[in-house]
Amino acid sequence: MPGSQVSSTIRQQVAQLDEGSRRDKAWLGDAVLSLFARQWLLGPPPDWQVPSPPGCDLSRAELFTWLTSNQFLSALRDPTHLEAEIGLIYEREGLQAAFAYIQEQLLPLFVRQVHNRAKTLRGKRR
């Protein structure tokens, strides 16, 4: 099933959860996202088909905080819902499927935002 259909189905399933269940899934999803971010920032394994962490003026800790922040997640959709999607995938399909979802759904926007920040900073230094 193509990624957009999977994400649409997962979103529908999360929307049907009661608030308590959604928060429980989000709690798991937050942990999975944190693990993904740490692994990616330390250097992704060779079998991950992801870009390397972008070089910029931010430390690894700052990049981690940004990638896992509600502010960043809200650029995509409600952070609790998004983390619940990750948690639901983790519960049903395992860690690698949840990591793949993060790679597809979050990482492209994050890398673009970091590159845009770097371009903006270079422009200000001129």
C-alpha atoms as a PDB file:
ATOM      1  CA  MET A   1       0.000   0.000   0.000  1.00  0.00           C
ATOM      2  CA  PRO A   2       1.500   3.408  -0.927  1.00  0.00           C
ATOM      3  CA  GLY A   3       2.696   5.612   1.936  1.00  0.00           C
ATOM      4  CA  SER A   4      -0.032   8.240   1.576  1.00  0.00           C
ATOM      5  CA  GLN A   5      -2.741   5.570   1.883  1.00  0.00           C
ATOM      6  CA  VAL A   6      -1.038   4.128   4.951  1.00  0.00           C
ATOM      7  CA  SER A   7      -0.788   7.539   6.617  1.00  0.00           C
ATOM      8  CA  SER A   8      -4.417   8.290   5.776  1.00  0.00           C
ATOM      9  CA  THR A   9      -5.546   4.989   7.292  1.00  0.00           C
ATOM     10  CA  ILE A  10      -3.419   5.500  10.401  1.00  0.00           C
ATOM     11  CA  ARG A  11      -4.786   9.042  10.811  1.00  0.00           C
ATOM     12  CA  GLN A  12      -8.340   7.710  10.646  1.00  0.00           C
ATOM     13  CA  GLN A  13      -7.581   5.046  13.231  1.00  0.00           C
ATOM     14  CA  VAL A  14      -6.023   7.579  15.592  1.00  0.00           C
ATOM     15  CA  ALA A  15      -9.012   9.913  15.148  1.00  0.00           C
ATOM     16  CA  GLN A  16     -11.315   7.093  16.274  1.00  0.00           C
ATOM     17  CA  LEU A  17      -9.435   6.540  19.542  1.00  0.00           C
ATOM     18  CA  ASP A  18     -10.792   8.021  22.754  1.00  0.00           C
ATOM     19  CA  GLU A  19      -8.663  10.805  24.243  1.00  0.00           C
ATOM     20  CA  GLY A  20      -7.001   8.565  26.849  1.00  0.00           C
ATOM     21  CA  SER A  21      -6.009   5.929  24.307  1.00  0.00           C
ATOM     22  CA  ARG A  22      -4.763   8.621  21.924  1.00  0.00           C
ATOM     23  CA  ARG A  23      -2.552  10.076  24.667  1.00  0.00           C
ATOM     24  CA  ASP A  24      -1.220   6.603  25.541  1.00  0.00           C
ATOM     25  CA  LYS A  25      -0.296   5.986  21.894  1.00  0.00           C
ATOM     26  CA  ALA A  26       1.235   9.465  21.711  1.00  0.00           C
ATOM     27  CA  TRP A  27       3.368   8.697  24.762  1.00  0.00           C
ATOM     28  CA  LEU A  28       4.759   5.632  23.007  1.00  0.00           C
ATOM     29  CA  GLY A  29       5.141   7.569  19.760  1.00  0.00           C
ATOM     30  CA  ASP A  30       7.113  10.287  21.538  1.00  0.00           C
ATOM     31  CA  ALA A  31       9.552   7.654  22.841  1.00  0.00           C
ATOM     32  CA  VAL A  32       9.921   6.088  19.380  1.00  0.00           C
ATOM     33  CA  LEU A  33      10.488   9.509  17.788  1.00  0.00           C
ATOM     34  CA  SER A  34      13.135  10.301  20.419  1.00  0.00           C
ATOM     35  CA  LEU A  35      14.923   7.022  19.744  1.00  0.00           C
ATOM     36  CA  PHE A  36      14.786   7.624  15.987  1.00  0.00           C
ATOM     37  CA  ALA A  37      16.152  11.162  16.385  1.00  0.00           C
ATOM     38  CA  ARG A  38      19.044  10.044  18.563  1.00  0.00           C
ATOM     39  CA  GLN A  39      19.955   7.200  16.208  1.00  0.00           C
ATOM     40  CA  TRP A  40      19.776   9.494  13.169  1.00  0.00           C
ATOM     41  CA  LEU A  41      21.831  12.243  14.792  1.00  0.00           C
ATOM     42  CA  LEU A  42      24.508   9.783  15.931  1.00  0.00           C
ATOM     43  CA  GLY A  43      24.758   8.546  12.362  1.00  0.00           C
ATOM     44  CA  PRO A  44      22.101   6.462  10.655  1.00  0.00           C
ATOM     45  CA  PRO A  45      22.860   2.791  10.037  1.00  0.00           C
ATOM     46  CA  PRO A  46      23.863   1.988   6.438  1.00  0.00           C
ATOM     47  CA  ASP A  47      20.542   0.251   5.733  1.00  0.00           C
ATOM     48  CA  TRP A  48      18.563   3.444   6.426  1.00  0.00           C
ATOM     49  CA  GLN A  49      17.702   5.260   3.227  1.00  0.00           C
ATOM     50  CA  VAL A  50      17.806   8.722   4.776  1.00  0.00           C
ATOM     51  CA  PRO A  51      19.926  11.809   4.349  1.00  0.00           C
ATOM     52  CA  SER A  52      22.660  12.394   6.865  1.00  0.00           C
ATOM     53  CA  PRO A  53      21.907  14.989   9.502  1.00  0.00           C
ATOM     54  CA  PRO A  54      22.411  18.403   7.927  1.00  0.00           C
ATOM     55  CA  GLY A  55      25.395  20.475   8.877  1.00  0.00           C
ATOM     56  CA  CYS A  56      24.411  23.728  10.488  1.00  0.00           C
ATOM     57  CA  ASP A  57      25.118  26.016  13.414  1.00  0.00           C
ATOM     58  CA  LEU A  58      23.046  23.927  15.818  1.00  0.00           C
ATOM     59  CA  SER A  59      24.427  21.292  18.159  1.00  0.00           C
ATOM     60  CA  ARG A  60      23.245  17.717  18.073  1.00  0.00           C
ATOM     61  CA  ALA A  61      21.210  18.391  21.235  1.00  0.00           C
ATOM     62  CA  GLU A  62      19.548  21.409  19.615  1.00  0.00           C
ATOM     63  CA  LEU A  63      18.699  19.431  16.469  1.00  0.00           C
ATOM     64  CA  PHE A  64      17.230  16.675  18.671  1.00  0.00           C
ATOM     65  CA  THR A  65      15.115  19.172  20.585  1.00  0.00           C
ATOM     66  CA  TRP A  66      13.871  20.743  17.354  1.00  0.00           C
ATOM     67  CA  LEU A  67      13.004  17.420  15.652  1.00  0.00           C
ATOM     68  CA  THR A  68      11.055  16.178  18.674  1.00  0.00           C
ATOM     69  CA  SER A  69       9.389  19.474  19.600  1.00  0.00           C
ATOM     70  CA  ASN A  70       5.665  20.116  19.436  1.00  0.00           C
ATOM     71  CA  GLN A  71       6.478  23.304  17.526  1.00  0.00           C
ATOM     72  CA  PHE A  72       8.081  21.305  14.702  1.00  0.00           C
ATOM     73  CA  LEU A  73       5.436  18.564  14.759  1.00  0.00           C
ATOM     74  CA  SER A  74       2.656  21.156  14.563  1.00  0.00           C
ATOM     75  CA  ALA A  75       3.999  22.204  11.153  1.00  0.00           C
ATOM     76  CA  LEU A  76       2.596  18.867   9.942  1.00  0.00           C
ATOM     77  CA  ARG A  77      -0.493  18.431  12.135  1.00  0.00           C
ATOM     78  CA  ASP A  78      -1.560  18.170  15.763  1.00  0.00           C
ATOM     79  CA  PRO A  79       1.500  16.878  17.669  1.00  0.00           C
ATOM     80  CA  THR A  80      -0.492  14.498  19.887  1.00  0.00           C
ATOM     81  CA  HIS A  81      -2.177  12.939  16.851  1.00  0.00           C
ATOM     82  CA  LEU A  82       1.110  12.629  14.988  1.00  0.00           C
ATOM     83  CA  GLU A  83       2.857  10.993  17.932  1.00  0.00           C
ATOM     84  CA  ALA A  84      -0.151   8.702  18.394  1.00  0.00           C
ATOM     85  CA  GLU A  85       0.201   7.631  14.754  1.00  0.00           C
ATOM     86  CA  ILE A  86       3.820   6.702  15.408  1.00  0.00           C
ATOM     87  CA  GLY A  87       2.848   4.866  18.607  1.00  0.00           C
ATOM     88  CA  LEU A  88       0.077   2.948  16.865  1.00  0.00           C
ATOM     89  CA  ILE A  89       2.416   1.845  14.078  1.00  0.00           C
ATOM     90  CA  TYR A  90       5.008   0.820  16.651  1.00  0.00           C
ATOM     91  CA  GLU A  91       2.488  -1.317  18.543  1.00  0.00           C
ATOM     92  CA  ARG A  92       1.095  -2.979  15.442  1.00  0.00           C
ATOM     93  CA  GLU A  93       4.092  -3.307  13.146  1.00  0.00           C
ATOM     94  CA  GLY A  94       7.207  -2.776  15.243  1.00  0.00           C
ATOM     95  CA  LEU A  95      10.047  -0.343  15.563  1.00  0.00           C
ATOM     96  CA  GLN A  96      11.323  -0.504  11.981  1.00  0.00           C
ATOM     97  CA  ALA A  97       7.879   0.302  10.556  1.00  0.00           C
ATOM     98  CA  ALA A  98       7.555   3.247  12.940  1.00  0.00           C
ATOM     99  CA  PHE A  99      11.019   4.474  11.937  1.00  0.00           C
ATOM    100  CA  ALA A 100      10.054   4.168   8.258  1.00  0.00           C
ATOM    101  CA  TYR A 101       6.943   6.264   8.926  1.00  0.00           C
ATOM    102  CA  ILE A 102       9.051   8.951  10.604  1.00  0.00           C
ATOM    103  CA  GLN A 103      11.501   8.888   7.687  1.00  0.00           C
ATOM    104  CA  GLU A 104       8.670   9.365   5.208  1.00  0.00           C
ATOM    105  CA  GLN A 105       6.413  11.755   7.101  1.00  0.00           C
ATOM    106  CA  LEU A 106       8.700  13.954   9.241  1.00  0.00           C
ATOM    107  CA  LEU A 107      12.277  13.840   8.072  1.00  0.00           C
ATOM    108  CA  PRO A 108      11.868  15.558   4.677  1.00  0.00           C
ATOM    109  CA  LEU A 109      10.286  18.644   6.252  1.00  0.00           C
ATOM    110  CA  PHE A 110      12.846  18.723   9.054  1.00  0.00           C
ATOM    111  CA  VAL A 111      15.784  18.589   6.636  1.00  0.00           C
ATOM    112  CA  ARG A 112      14.207  21.370   4.525  1.00  0.00           C
ATOM    113  CA  GLN A 113      13.715  23.545   7.609  1.00  0.00           C
ATOM    114  CA  VAL A 114      17.327  23.072   8.709  1.00  0.00           C
ATOM    115  CA  HIS A 115      18.608  23.885   5.202  1.00  0.00           C
ATOM    116  CA  ASN A 116      16.397  26.997   5.112  1.00  0.00           C
ATOM    117  CA  ARG A 117      17.768  28.076   8.489  1.00  0.00           C
ATOM    118  CA  ALA A 118      21.326  27.654   7.220  1.00  0.00           C
ATOM    119  CA  LYS A 119      20.558  29.693   4.076  1.00  0.00           C
ATOM    120  CA  THR A 120      18.966  32.444   6.164  1.00  0.00           C
ATOM    121  CA  LEU A 121      21.961  32.591   8.485  1.00  0.00           C
ATOM    122  CA  ARG A 122      24.399  32.733   5.551  1.00  0.00           C
ATOM    123  CA  GLY A 123      22.377  35.604   4.087  1.00  0.00           C
ATOM    124  CA  LYS A 124      22.516  37.567   7.351  1.00  0.00           C
ATOM    125  CA  ARG A 125      26.296  37.217   7.576  1.00  0.00           C
ATOM    126  CA  ARG A 126      26.861  38.949   4.227  1.00  0.00           C
END
